[in-house]
Amino acid sequence: MDTPVLVLFAVGLVLLGFEVVVPGAIMGILGGLFLLGGVAVAFVQHGADAGLLALGVAIAAVLALAYFEFRILPRTRVGKRMFLKASIDATSQPAVAVSETVMGKTARAVTALAPTGLVEIEGRRYEARCDSGFADEGARLRVVRVESFQLVVMAEAAL
């Protein structure tokens, strides 16, 4: 193989290597395009045999790079600082109510319900809709049913 093919391969592999540390897919896409460019140049300048050899080398190099990045690098001192090990167990959405556990219970409005908002039952927050209209923040409400993953509540005074 000659210099243009080697340069295109080297640039492509460097860009693919940076894909691990740079967010987004731009580096990976550019790296892949450079590798394909190297294979294309090998086909055009040296024929089918050299082009197929270049394709095989490109595939082997990408596989070797992926193995290094995902098997060897995370075990190194630098890799341990680069890769995340912790996971987040929290959720960003209120819990989905199970009708058997909340039916008939008293709820406190965490936000104003006009007619939807958040209520708290026994320390857990749920999304709710108030059938008796508007409910102020802090209002005492009673759960009357569960519909489509949402509690339906009514003001205790309206019951």
Protein backbone atom coordinates (compact mmCIF):
# COMPACT_ATOMS: atom_id res chain seq x y z
CA MET A 1 0.00 0.00 0.00
CA ASP A 2 1.18 3.49 -0.65
CA THR A 3 1.24 6.71 1.36
CA PRO A 4 -2.28 8.12 0.63
CA VAL A 5 -3.93 4.89 1.73
CA LEU A 6 -1.82 4.71 4.90
CA VAL A 7 -2.48 8.36 5.74
CA LEU A 8 -6.23 7.95 5.25
CA PHE A 9 -6.20 4.81 7.43
CA ALA A 10 -4.14 6.51 10.15
CA VAL A 11 -6.39 9.58 10.26
CA GLY A 12 -9.50 7.38 10.24
CA LEU A 13 -8.26 5.25 13.14
CA VAL A 14 -7.23 8.31 15.17
CA LEU A 15 -10.66 9.85 14.67
CA LEU A 16 -12.34 6.57 15.65
CA GLY A 17 -10.13 6.45 18.73
CA PHE A 18 -11.19 9.95 19.76
CA GLU A 19 -14.83 8.90 19.44
CA VAL A 20 -14.57 7.35 22.92
CA VAL A 21 -13.69 10.64 24.61
CA VAL A 22 -15.48 13.18 22.42
CA PRO A 23 -19.28 13.26 22.74
CA GLY A 24 -21.39 12.88 19.65
CA ALA A 25 -20.89 10.70 16.61
CA ILE A 26 -19.02 13.21 14.43
CA MET A 27 -15.55 11.79 15.08
CA GLY A 28 -16.71 8.23 14.44
CA ILE A 29 -18.48 9.16 11.23
CA LEU A 30 -15.47 11.10 9.96
CA GLY A 31 -13.15 8.24 10.96
CA GLY A 32 -15.30 5.75 9.10
CA LEU A 33 -15.36 7.98 6.03
CA PHE A 34 -11.56 8.30 6.08
CA LEU A 35 -11.21 4.52 6.30
CA LEU A 36 -13.65 4.06 3.42
CA GLY A 37 -11.69 6.67 1.49
CA GLY A 38 -8.50 4.70 2.06
CA VAL A 39 -10.17 1.54 0.80
CA ALA A 40 -11.52 3.38 -2.25
CA VAL A 41 -8.09 4.83 -3.07
CA ALA A 42 -6.58 1.34 -2.80
CA PHE A 43 -9.21 -0.03 -5.20
CA VAL A 44 -8.71 2.79 -7.73
CA GLN A 45 -4.92 2.97 -7.67
CA HIS A 46 -3.99 -0.67 -7.13
CA GLY A 47 -6.89 -2.81 -8.35
CA ALA A 48 -9.28 -5.27 -6.78
CA ASP A 49 -6.72 -7.41 -4.94
CA ALA A 50 -5.17 -4.44 -3.13
CA GLY A 51 -8.61 -2.97 -2.48
CA LEU A 52 -9.83 -6.18 -0.86
CA LEU A 53 -6.63 -6.35 1.17
CA ALA A 54 -7.18 -2.75 2.30
CA LEU A 55 -10.78 -3.56 3.23
CA GLY A 56 -9.62 -6.53 5.30
CA VAL A 57 -6.95 -4.43 7.01
CA ALA A 58 -9.52 -1.69 7.75
CA ILE A 59 -11.96 -4.17 9.28
CA ALA A 60 -9.23 -5.81 11.36
CA ALA A 61 -7.95 -2.41 12.52
CA VAL A 62 -11.43 -1.26 13.57
CA LEU A 63 -12.03 -4.51 15.47
CA ALA A 64 -8.63 -4.24 17.19
CA LEU A 65 -9.34 -0.61 18.10
CA ALA A 66 -12.77 -1.49 19.48
CA TYR A 67 -11.28 -4.34 21.54
CA PHE A 68 -8.64 -1.99 22.94
CA GLU A 69 -11.13 0.77 23.73
CA PHE A 70 -13.75 -1.40 25.42
CA ARG A 71 -11.72 -4.24 26.96
CA ILE A 72 -8.22 -2.98 27.70
CA LEU A 73 -8.58 0.80 28.16
CA PRO A 74 -11.21 0.62 30.97
CA ARG A 75 -8.77 -1.45 33.05
CA THR A 76 -5.95 1.08 32.83
CA ARG A 77 -5.47 3.93 35.30
CA VAL A 78 -6.46 6.50 32.68
CA GLY A 79 -9.43 4.43 31.55
CA LYS A 80 -10.75 4.04 35.09
CA ARG A 81 -10.96 7.82 35.34
CA MET A 82 -12.55 8.09 31.90
CA PHE A 83 -15.36 5.50 32.13
CA LEU A 84 -18.30 5.74 34.52
CA LYS A 85 -18.94 2.85 36.90
CA ALA A 86 -21.82 4.26 38.96
CA SER A 87 -25.43 4.07 37.93
CA ILE A 88 -28.38 6.30 38.76
CA ASP A 89 -31.30 4.47 40.33
CA ALA A 90 -33.61 7.46 40.73
CA THR A 91 -36.41 8.41 38.39
CA SER A 92 -37.43 11.79 37.08
CA GLN A 93 -41.12 10.98 36.92
CA PRO A 94 -43.58 10.43 39.78
CA ALA A 95 -44.35 6.83 40.62
CA VAL A 96 -47.18 5.05 38.84
CA ALA A 97 -50.01 4.43 41.27
CA VAL A 98 -51.45 0.98 41.88
CA SER A 99 -55.16 1.34 42.59
CA GLU A 100 -55.24 -1.22 45.44
CA THR A 101 -52.61 0.69 47.43
CA VAL A 102 -54.01 4.23 47.07
CA MET A 103 -57.80 3.90 46.72
CA GLY A 104 -59.64 5.90 49.40
CA LYS A 105 -56.46 7.32 50.92
CA THR A 106 -56.00 10.95 51.85
CA ALA A 107 -53.64 12.94 49.65
CA ARG A 108 -52.04 16.36 50.09
CA ALA A 109 -51.72 18.61 47.05
CA VAL A 110 -48.01 19.30 46.46
CA THR A 111 -48.86 21.69 43.62
CA ALA A 112 -52.10 23.44 42.81
CA LEU A 113 -54.37 21.10 40.85
CA ALA A 114 -56.04 23.01 38.03
CA PRO A 115 -57.23 20.34 37.35
CA THR A 116 -53.95 18.33 37.22
CA GLY A 117 -50.87 18.46 39.41
CA LEU A 118 -48.91 16.49 41.96
CA VAL A 119 -50.19 14.98 45.19
CA GLU A 120 -48.39 13.22 48.02
CA ILE A 121 -49.65 10.07 49.69
CA GLU A 122 -47.65 8.57 52.55
CA GLY A 123 -44.47 10.35 51.43
CA ARG A 124 -44.71 9.40 47.73
CA ARG A 125 -45.63 11.80 44.95
CA TYR A 126 -48.12 10.96 42.23
CA GLU A 127 -49.60 12.73 39.24
CA ALA A 128 -53.27 13.47 39.86
CA ARG A 129 -56.37 15.09 38.39
CA CYS A 130 -58.92 16.81 40.59
CA ASP A 131 -62.52 15.99 39.60
CA SER A 132 -63.94 18.61 41.94
CA GLY A 133 -62.18 21.39 40.01
CA PHE A 134 -59.34 23.51 41.33
CA ALA A 135 -57.44 22.48 44.48
CA ASP A 136 -54.94 24.77 46.18
CA GLU A 137 -51.45 23.68 47.12
CA GLY A 138 -51.61 21.92 50.49
CA ALA A 139 -55.29 20.97 50.11
CA ARG A 140 -56.49 17.67 51.57
CA LEU A 141 -57.90 15.39 48.89
CA ARG A 142 -59.26 11.85 48.71
CA VAL A 143 -58.34 9.33 45.98
CA VAL A 144 -61.53 8.14 44.23
CA ARG A 145 -60.03 6.10 41.35
CA VAL A 146 -56.99 5.50 39.13
CA GLU A 147 -57.24 6.22 35.39
CA SER A 148 -54.49 5.94 32.78
CA PHE A 149 -51.63 5.97 35.30
CA GLN A 150 -53.09 9.06 36.98
CA LEU A 151 -54.92 9.40 40.28
CA VAL A 152 -58.36 10.98 40.27
CA VAL A 153 -58.91 12.91 43.48
CA MET A 154 -61.68 15.02 44.97
CA ALA A 155 -61.57 17.64 47.70
CA GLU A 156 -62.55 16.06 51.02
CA ALA A 157 -65.17 18.78 51.52
CA ALA A 158 -66.84 17.81 48.20
CA LEU A 159 -67.30 14.19 49.31
